[in-house]
Amino acid sequence: MPVNHNKDAGLSAKAPAVECNNLKLKVKKKIILDGISFQIPQGSLTGLLGPNGAGKSSLLRIISGLTAADSGSAHIFGKPAGVQCLGELSMLPDRSNLPGWLTVREWLGFAGGIYPDWDEAKAQELLRELSVSPESQISAMSRGEEARLQLLTCLSRQAPLVILDEPFTGVDLISRERIASAVVGELADGARTFLIATHDIREMELLFDRLILIGEGQIQSIEDVELLRQSGKSVESRYREVFA
């Protein structure tokens, strides 16, 4: 039986899944984020798009509580981002951090012990959907296989917010299709919110509800994708307008 996360986790029906207000971040003398503000409604799929070095990964790390902003605020379902929100979000980082010395089966057993919201039935279902062999040694997996395993790990938790940082980087065509299909399956009941940073616009174009276009550490545009389509534009064409 699917879990209604908004109800079971006591999440406010009114609070945005993510809310950022005037976030600023500087590393040494370089400005990484400069006055970032936006909201993401619950149950939506938002694309965070922008060129390399735009600040996407840094922004996701702040939202996930892994990095502290210099100023401004980030909230998850109305709560300040940080350790207290770790149970409400599941993040796929832009670089693999899986233990290569384990097999997939061993890793999933380990993950089931460290994540209180782990759904073993979902993990087994995703093993089949994403074509991941439980006997594979993680260190011997291809980039595409490892990307599918990372997504499986994210989606096997019951966290209501899923953050994916470049899930398609270096991934083959078949893996891309399987990853996109798995995301579609998770969107069916509207219980989860997705925030996905990606350069692979065409792979996700038909799935996005909203776009946040970020460049040079600043929000360049926020778009409702349905309104874009009604105006005769695509996600890709709007991206080119903003960044070309």
C-alpha atoms as a PDB file:
ATOM      1  CA  MET A   1       0.000   0.000   0.000  1.00  0.00           C
ATOM      2  CA  PRO A   2       1.568   3.364  -1.026  1.00  0.00           C
ATOM      3  CA  VAL A   3       2.299   5.718   1.835  1.00  0.00           C
ATOM      4  CA  ASN A   4       0.673   9.144   1.803  1.00  0.00           C
ATOM      5  CA  HIS A   5       3.759  11.009   2.909  1.00  0.00           C
ATOM      6  CA  ASN A   6       2.056  14.372   3.283  1.00  0.00           C
ATOM      7  CA  LYS A   7      -0.302  12.858   5.830  1.00  0.00           C
ATOM      8  CA  ASP A   8       1.904  10.322   7.593  1.00  0.00           C
ATOM      9  CA  ALA A   9       4.872  12.651   7.975  1.00  0.00           C
ATOM     10  CA  GLY A  10       2.647  15.406   9.336  1.00  0.00           C
ATOM     11  CA  LEU A  11       3.646  17.737   6.522  1.00  0.00           C
ATOM     12  CA  SER A  12       1.706  20.929   6.179  1.00  0.00           C
ATOM     13  CA  ALA A  13      -0.580  20.900   3.162  1.00  0.00           C
ATOM     14  CA  LYS A  14       0.128  24.621   2.754  1.00  0.00           C
ATOM     15  CA  ALA A  15       3.896  24.749   3.187  1.00  0.00           C
ATOM     16  CA  PRO A  16       5.966  24.535  -0.008  1.00  0.00           C
ATOM     17  CA  ALA A  17       8.089  21.417  -0.330  1.00  0.00           C
ATOM     18  CA  VAL A  18      11.089  23.743  -0.727  1.00  0.00           C
ATOM     19  CA  GLU A  19      11.334  27.447  -0.012  1.00  0.00           C
ATOM     20  CA  CYS A  20      14.525  29.465  -0.415  1.00  0.00           C
ATOM     21  CA  ASN A  21      14.807  33.113   0.540  1.00  0.00           C
ATOM     22  CA  ASN A  22      17.754  35.288  -0.505  1.00  0.00           C
ATOM     23  CA  LEU A  23      20.361  32.525  -0.247  1.00  0.00           C
ATOM     24  CA  LYS A  24      23.937  33.702  -0.602  1.00  0.00           C
ATOM     25  CA  LEU A  25      27.122  31.660  -0.685  1.00  0.00           C
ATOM     26  CA  LYS A  26      30.719  32.675  -1.301  1.00  0.00           C
ATOM     27  CA  VAL A  27      33.713  30.339  -1.455  1.00  0.00           C
ATOM     28  CA  LYS A  28      36.943  32.240  -0.821  1.00  0.00           C
ATOM     29  CA  LYS A  29      36.346  35.342  -2.960  1.00  0.00           C
ATOM     30  CA  LYS A  30      34.068  33.711  -5.522  1.00  0.00           C
ATOM     31  CA  ILE A  31      30.329  34.314  -5.325  1.00  0.00           C
ATOM     32  CA  ILE A  32      28.578  30.954  -5.853  1.00  0.00           C
ATOM     33  CA  LEU A  33      24.983  31.950  -5.058  1.00  0.00           C
ATOM     34  CA  ASP A  34      23.689  35.498  -4.952  1.00  0.00           C
ATOM     35  CA  GLY A  35      20.184  36.169  -3.643  1.00  0.00           C
ATOM     36  CA  ILE A  36      18.449  32.887  -4.564  1.00  0.00           C
ATOM     37  CA  SER A  37      14.700  32.884  -3.828  1.00  0.00           C
ATOM     38  CA  PHE A  38      11.981  30.493  -5.012  1.00  0.00           C
ATOM     39  CA  GLN A  39       9.278  28.070  -3.885  1.00  0.00           C
ATOM     40  CA  ILE A  40       8.506  24.527  -5.027  1.00  0.00           C
ATOM     41  CA  PRO A  41       4.953  23.250  -4.392  1.00  0.00           C
ATOM     42  CA  GLN A  42       4.384  19.790  -2.982  1.00  0.00           C
ATOM     43  CA  GLY A  43       3.742  17.000  -5.479  1.00  0.00           C
ATOM     44  CA  SER A  44       5.514  18.710  -8.393  1.00  0.00           C
ATOM     45  CA  LEU A  45       8.540  17.917 -10.531  1.00  0.00           C
ATOM     46  CA  THR A  46      10.836  20.911 -10.889  1.00  0.00           C
ATOM     47  CA  GLY A  47      13.831  21.108 -13.176  1.00  0.00           C
ATOM     48  CA  LEU A  48      16.835  23.092 -11.958  1.00  0.00           C
ATOM     49  CA  LEU A  49      18.593  24.000 -15.191  1.00  0.00           C
ATOM     50  CA  GLY A  50      21.662  26.010 -16.011  1.00  0.00           C
ATOM     51  CA  PRO A  51      25.158  25.828 -17.518  1.00  0.00           C
ATOM     52  CA  ASN A  52      28.194  24.341 -15.782  1.00  0.00           C
ATOM     53  CA  GLY A  53      29.285  26.445 -12.827  1.00  0.00           C
ATOM     54  CA  ALA A  54      25.865  28.023 -12.396  1.00  0.00           C
ATOM     55  CA  GLY A  55      25.645  26.995  -8.722  1.00  0.00           C
ATOM     56  CA  LYS A  56      23.156  24.115  -9.070  1.00  0.00           C
ATOM     57  CA  SER A  57      25.022  21.557  -6.961  1.00  0.00           C
ATOM     58  CA  SER A  58      25.841  24.115  -4.267  1.00  0.00           C
ATOM     59  CA  LEU A  59      22.168  25.094  -4.068  1.00  0.00           C
ATOM     60  CA  LEU A  60      21.074  21.460  -3.749  1.00  0.00           C
ATOM     61  CA  ARG A  61      23.606  20.868  -0.988  1.00  0.00           C
ATOM     62  CA  ILE A  62      22.210  23.809   0.973  1.00  0.00           C
ATOM     63  CA  ILE A  63      18.635  22.562   0.537  1.00  0.00           C
ATOM     64  CA  SER A  64      19.767  19.095   1.634  1.00  0.00           C
ATOM     65  CA  GLY A  65      21.455  20.476   4.746  1.00  0.00           C
ATOM     66  CA  LEU A  66      24.939  19.396   3.624  1.00  0.00           C
ATOM     67  CA  THR A  67      26.264  22.954   3.209  1.00  0.00           C
ATOM     68  CA  ALA A  68      25.443  26.091   5.168  1.00  0.00           C
ATOM     69  CA  ALA A  69      24.638  29.291   3.289  1.00  0.00           C
ATOM     70  CA  ASP A  70      26.398  32.501   4.285  1.00  0.00           C
ATOM     71  CA  SER A  71      23.019  34.193   4.590  1.00  0.00           C
ATOM     72  CA  GLY A  72      19.376  33.694   3.701  1.00  0.00           C
ATOM     73  CA  SER A  73      17.239  30.659   4.510  1.00  0.00           C
ATOM     74  CA  ALA A  74      16.097  27.335   3.078  1.00  0.00           C
ATOM     75  CA  HIS A  75      13.047  25.472   4.369  1.00  0.00           C
ATOM     76  CA  ILE A  76      11.806  21.927   3.713  1.00  0.00           C
ATOM     77  CA  PHE A  77       8.052  21.539   4.261  1.00  0.00           C
ATOM     78  CA  GLY A  78       8.165  24.595   6.503  1.00  0.00           C
ATOM     79  CA  LYS A  79      11.164  23.463   8.572  1.00  0.00           C
ATOM     80  CA  PRO A  80      14.653  24.981   8.380  1.00  0.00           C
ATOM     81  CA  ALA A  81      16.896  22.822   6.188  1.00  0.00           C
ATOM     82  CA  GLY A  82      19.395  20.789   8.164  1.00  0.00           C
ATOM     83  CA  VAL A  83      19.787  17.631  10.215  1.00  0.00           C
ATOM     84  CA  GLN A  84      16.178  17.835  11.405  1.00  0.00           C
ATOM     85  CA  CYS A  85      14.955  17.383   7.805  1.00  0.00           C
ATOM     86  CA  LEU A  86      17.112  14.407   6.806  1.00  0.00           C
ATOM     87  CA  GLY A  87      14.164  12.040   7.139  1.00  0.00           C
ATOM     88  CA  GLU A  88      12.078  14.100   4.720  1.00  0.00           C
ATOM     89  CA  LEU A  89      14.434  14.148   1.741  1.00  0.00           C
ATOM     90  CA  SER A  90      16.397  11.640  -0.280  1.00  0.00           C
ATOM     91  CA  MET A  91      19.275  12.916  -2.388  1.00  0.00           C
ATOM     92  CA  LEU A  92      21.215  11.476  -5.311  1.00  0.00           C
ATOM     93  CA  PRO A  93      24.539  13.376  -5.405  1.00  0.00           C
ATOM     94  CA  ASP A  94      26.365  14.386  -8.573  1.00  0.00           C
ATOM     95  CA  ARG A  95      29.217  12.005  -7.711  1.00  0.00           C
ATOM     96  CA  SER A  96      28.914   8.406  -6.632  1.00  0.00           C
ATOM     97  CA  ASN A  97      29.506   7.686  -2.955  1.00  0.00           C
ATOM     98  CA  LEU A  98      28.551   4.007  -2.952  1.00  0.00           C
ATOM     99  CA  PRO A  99      30.929   1.516  -1.256  1.00  0.00           C
ATOM    100  CA  GLY A 100      32.619  -0.271  -4.141  1.00  0.00           C
ATOM    101  CA  TRP A 101      33.735  -3.240  -2.032  1.00  0.00           C
ATOM    102  CA  LEU A 102      30.118  -4.402  -1.505  1.00  0.00           C
ATOM    103  CA  THR A 103      27.795  -6.273  -3.820  1.00  0.00           C
ATOM    104  CA  VAL A 104      24.444  -4.719  -4.649  1.00  0.00           C
ATOM    105  CA  ARG A 105      22.704  -7.189  -2.316  1.00  0.00           C
ATOM    106  CA  GLU A 106      25.085  -6.338   0.534  1.00  0.00           C
ATOM    107  CA  TRP A 107      24.633  -2.612  -0.068  1.00  0.00           C
ATOM    108  CA  LEU A 108      20.843  -2.838  -0.015  1.00  0.00           C
ATOM    109  CA  GLY A 109      20.974  -4.807   3.229  1.00  0.00           C
ATOM    110  CA  PHE A 110      23.223  -2.113   4.686  1.00  0.00           C
ATOM    111  CA  ALA A 111      20.966   0.689   3.409  1.00  0.00           C
ATOM    112  CA  GLY A 112      17.953  -0.997   4.990  1.00  0.00           C
ATOM    113  CA  GLY A 113      19.720  -0.760   8.331  1.00  0.00           C
ATOM    114  CA  ILE A 114      20.736   2.909   8.143  1.00  0.00           C
ATOM    115  CA  TYR A 115      17.568   4.439   6.656  1.00  0.00           C
ATOM    116  CA  PRO A 116      14.563   4.230   9.005  1.00  0.00           C
ATOM    117  CA  ASP A 117      12.194   4.854   6.076  1.00  0.00           C
ATOM    118  CA  TRP A 118      13.657   2.090   3.884  1.00  0.00           C
ATOM    119  CA  ASP A 119      11.039   0.173   1.873  1.00  0.00           C
ATOM    120  CA  GLU A 120      12.439  -3.273   1.079  1.00  0.00           C
ATOM    121  CA  ALA A 121       9.525  -4.206  -1.172  1.00  0.00           C
ATOM    122  CA  LYS A 122      10.135  -1.058  -3.220  1.00  0.00           C
ATOM    123  CA  ALA A 123      13.853  -1.873  -3.435  1.00  0.00           C
ATOM    124  CA  GLN A 124      13.111  -5.329  -4.823  1.00  0.00           C
ATOM    125  CA  GLU A 125      10.619  -3.871  -7.305  1.00  0.00           C
ATOM    126  CA  LEU A 126      13.176  -1.319  -8.507  1.00  0.00           C
ATOM    127  CA  LEU A 127      15.856  -3.990  -8.863  1.00  0.00           C
ATOM    128  CA  ARG A 128      13.662  -5.522 -11.550  1.00  0.00           C
ATOM    129  CA  GLU A 129      12.481  -2.252 -13.137  1.00  0.00           C
ATOM    130  CA  LEU A 130      15.984  -0.792 -13.383  1.00  0.00           C
ATOM    131  CA  SER A 131      17.621  -4.105 -14.339  1.00  0.00           C
ATOM    132  CA  VAL A 132      20.181  -4.073 -11.520  1.00  0.00           C
ATOM    133  CA  SER A 133      21.747  -7.438 -10.650  1.00  0.00           C
ATOM    134  CA  PRO A 134      21.864  -8.031  -6.880  1.00  0.00           C
ATOM    135  CA  GLU A 135      25.053 -10.096  -7.273  1.00  0.00           C
ATOM    136  CA  SER A 136      27.051  -7.347  -9.022  1.00  0.00           C
ATOM    137  CA  GLN A 137      30.112  -5.938  -7.279  1.00  0.00           C
ATOM    138  CA  ILE A 138      29.614  -2.182  -7.114  1.00  0.00           C
ATOM    139  CA  SER A 139      33.219  -1.445  -8.096  1.00  0.00           C
ATOM    140  CA  ALA A 140      32.765  -3.505 -11.272  1.00  0.00           C
ATOM    141  CA  MET A 141      29.556  -1.808 -12.396  1.00  0.00           C
ATOM    142  CA  SER A 142      29.375   0.450 -15.452  1.00  0.00           C
ATOM    143  CA  ARG A 143      28.542   4.140 -15.010  1.00  0.00           C
ATOM    144  CA  GLY A 144      24.980   3.460 -16.146  1.00  0.00           C
ATOM    145  CA  GLU A 145      24.514   0.510 -13.780  1.00  0.00           C
ATOM    146  CA  GLU A 146      25.868   2.496 -10.854  1.00  0.00           C
ATOM    147  CA  ALA A 147      23.595   5.448 -11.695  1.00  0.00           C
ATOM    148  CA  ARG A 148      20.598   3.110 -11.673  1.00  0.00           C
ATOM    149  CA  LEU A 149      21.673   1.692  -8.308  1.00  0.00           C
ATOM    150  CA  GLN A 150      21.994   5.204  -6.864  1.00  0.00           C
ATOM    151  CA  LEU A 151      18.484   6.047  -8.076  1.00  0.00           C
ATOM    152  CA  LEU A 152      17.185   2.773  -6.663  1.00  0.00           C
ATOM    153  CA  THR A 153      18.683   3.737  -3.301  1.00  0.00           C
ATOM    154  CA  CYS A 154      16.966   7.144  -3.401  1.00  0.00           C
ATOM    155  CA  LEU A 155      13.574   5.844  -4.429  1.00  0.00           C
ATOM    156  CA  SER A 156      13.559   2.922  -1.985  1.00  0.00           C
ATOM    157  CA  ARG A 157      13.204   5.406   0.846  1.00  0.00           C
ATOM    158  CA  GLN A 158       9.813   6.873   1.695  1.00  0.00           C
ATOM    159  CA  ALA A 159      11.098  10.451   1.926  1.00  0.00           C
ATOM    160  CA  PRO A 160       8.543  12.854   0.402  1.00  0.00           C
ATOM    161  CA  LEU A 161      11.203  15.051  -1.261  1.00  0.00           C
ATOM    162  CA  VAL A 162      13.590  13.507  -3.799  1.00  0.00           C
ATOM    163  CA  ILE A 163      16.564  15.555  -5.031  1.00  0.00           C
ATOM    164  CA  LEU A 164      18.520  14.282  -8.029  1.00  0.00           C
ATOM    165  CA  ASP A 165      21.757  16.014  -9.039  1.00  0.00           C
ATOM    166  CA  GLU A 166      22.652  15.212 -12.660  1.00  0.00           C
ATOM    167  CA  PRO A 167      21.227  11.653 -12.702  1.00  0.00           C
ATOM    168  CA  PHE A 168      22.058  11.185 -16.415  1.00  0.00           C
ATOM    169  CA  THR A 169      25.712  12.259 -16.496  1.00  0.00           C
ATOM    170  CA  GLY A 170      27.799   9.704 -18.387  1.00  0.00           C
ATOM    171  CA  VAL A 171      24.846   7.331 -18.593  1.00  0.00           C
ATOM    172  CA  ASP A 172      23.968   5.252 -21.670  1.00  0.00           C
ATOM    173  CA  LEU A 173      20.684   5.611 -23.559  1.00  0.00           C
ATOM    174  CA  ILE A 174      19.000   2.517 -22.079  1.00  0.00           C
ATOM    175  CA  SER A 175      19.907   3.582 -18.532  1.00  0.00           C
ATOM    176  CA  ARG A 176      18.544   7.062 -19.211  1.00  0.00           C
ATOM    177  CA  GLU A 177      15.234   5.601 -20.336  1.00  0.00           C
ATOM    178  CA  ARG A 178      15.015   3.341 -17.292  1.00  0.00           C
ATOM    179  CA  ILE A 179      15.835   6.186 -14.910  1.00  0.00           C
ATOM    180  CA  ALA A 180      13.218   8.471 -16.504  1.00  0.00           C
ATOM    181  CA  SER A 181      10.656   5.648 -16.397  1.00  0.00           C
ATOM    182  CA  ALA A 182      11.304   5.061 -12.692  1.00  0.00           C
ATOM    183  CA  VAL A 183      10.777   8.762 -11.959  1.00  0.00           C
ATOM    184  CA  VAL A 184       7.492   8.700 -13.896  1.00  0.00           C
ATOM    185  CA  GLY A 185       6.335   5.770 -11.777  1.00  0.00           C
ATOM    186  CA  GLU A 186       7.041   7.671  -8.575  1.00  0.00           C
ATOM    187  CA  LEU A 187       5.052  10.701  -9.750  1.00  0.00           C
ATOM    188  CA  ALA A 188       1.838   8.734 -10.283  1.00  0.00           C
ATOM    189  CA  ASP A 189       0.155   9.374  -6.934  1.00  0.00           C
ATOM    190  CA  GLY A 190       1.488  12.907  -6.361  1.00  0.00           C
ATOM    191  CA  ALA A 191       2.799  11.983  -2.905  1.00  0.00           C
ATOM    192  CA  ARG A 192       6.377  12.920  -3.733  1.00  0.00           C
ATOM    193  CA  THR A 193       8.082  16.100  -4.846  1.00  0.00           C
ATOM    194  CA  PHE A 194      11.062  15.945  -7.213  1.00  0.00           C
ATOM    195  CA  LEU A 195      13.784  18.549  -7.709  1.00  0.00           C
ATOM    196  CA  ILE A 196      16.118  17.505 -10.515  1.00  0.00           C
ATOM    197  CA  ALA A 197      19.250  19.319 -11.679  1.00  0.00           C
ATOM    198  CA  THR A 198      20.186  18.151 -15.156  1.00  0.00           C
ATOM    199  CA  HIS A 199      21.820  19.146 -18.423  1.00  0.00           C
ATOM    200  CA  ASP A 200      19.798  16.490 -20.250  1.00  0.00           C
ATOM    201  CA  ILE A 201      16.744  18.592 -20.985  1.00  0.00           C
ATOM    202  CA  ARG A 202      15.275  16.396 -23.704  1.00  0.00           C
ATOM    203  CA  GLU A 203      15.203  13.346 -21.423  1.00  0.00           C
ATOM    204  CA  MET A 204      12.967  15.095 -18.874  1.00  0.00           C
ATOM    205  CA  GLU A 205      11.216  17.797 -20.913  1.00  0.00           C
ATOM    206  CA  LEU A 206       7.803  16.119 -20.897  1.00  0.00           C
ATOM    207  CA  LEU A 207       7.947  15.454 -17.143  1.00  0.00           C
ATOM    208  CA  PHE A 208       8.749  18.904 -15.771  1.00  0.00           C
ATOM    209  CA  ASP A 209       5.986  20.946 -14.140  1.00  0.00           C
ATOM    210  CA  ARG A 210       8.217  23.897 -13.350  1.00  0.00           C
ATOM    211  CA  LEU A 211      11.623  25.239 -14.316  1.00  0.00           C
ATOM    212  CA  ILE A 212      14.136  27.178 -12.298  1.00  0.00           C
ATOM    213  CA  LEU A 213      16.798  28.568 -14.625  1.00  0.00           C
ATOM    214  CA  ILE A 214      19.965  29.523 -12.794  1.00  0.00           C
ATOM    215  CA  GLY A 215      23.100  31.139 -14.192  1.00  0.00           C
ATOM    216  CA  GLU A 216      26.110  32.868 -12.628  1.00  0.00           C
ATOM    217  CA  GLY A 217      24.716  32.160  -9.173  1.00  0.00           C
ATOM    218  CA  GLN A 218      21.409  33.944  -9.759  1.00  0.00           C
ATOM    219  CA  ILE A 219      17.887  32.945 -10.737  1.00  0.00           C
ATOM    220  CA  GLN A 220      17.461  33.952 -14.368  1.00  0.00           C
ATOM    221  CA  SER A 221      13.869  32.778 -14.789  1.00  0.00           C
ATOM    222  CA  ILE A 222      11.155  30.653 -13.147  1.00  0.00           C
ATOM    223  CA  GLU A 223       8.687  29.052 -15.539  1.00  0.00           C
ATOM    224  CA  ASP A 224       5.428  27.099 -15.451  1.00  0.00           C
ATOM    225  CA  VAL A 225       6.010  24.470 -18.145  1.00  0.00           C
ATOM    226  CA  GLU A 226       2.348  24.181 -19.138  1.00  0.00           C
ATOM    227  CA  LEU A 227       2.184  27.927 -19.732  1.00  0.00           C
ATOM    228  CA  LEU A 228       5.375  27.662 -21.788  1.00  0.00           C
ATOM    229  CA  ARG A 229       3.766  25.012 -23.979  1.00  0.00           C
ATOM    230  CA  GLN A 230       0.612  27.076 -24.377  1.00  0.00           C
ATOM    231  CA  SER A 231       2.782  29.930 -25.657  1.00  0.00           C
ATOM    232  CA  GLY A 232       4.304  27.574 -28.239  1.00  0.00           C
ATOM    233  CA  LYS A 233       7.671  27.183 -26.520  1.00  0.00           C
ATOM    234  CA  SER A 234       9.535  24.103 -25.328  1.00  0.00           C
ATOM    235  CA  VAL A 235      11.770  23.730 -22.305  1.00  0.00           C
ATOM    236  CA  GLU A 236      14.775  23.579 -24.616  1.00  0.00           C
ATOM    237  CA  SER A 237      13.812  26.700 -26.567  1.00  0.00           C
ATOM    238  CA  ARG A 238      13.266  28.662 -23.350  1.00  0.00           C
ATOM    239  CA  TYR A 239      16.648  27.489 -22.035  1.00  0.00           C
ATOM    240  CA  ARG A 240      18.286  28.728 -25.220  1.00  0.00           C
ATOM    241  CA  GLU A 241      16.520  32.092 -24.933  1.00  0.00           C
ATOM    242  CA  VAL A 242      17.874  32.594 -21.432  1.00  0.00           C
ATOM    243  CA  PHE A 243      21.408  31.270 -21.825  1.00  0.00           C
ATOM    244  CA  ALA A 244      22.365  31.529 -25.507  1.00  0.00           C
END
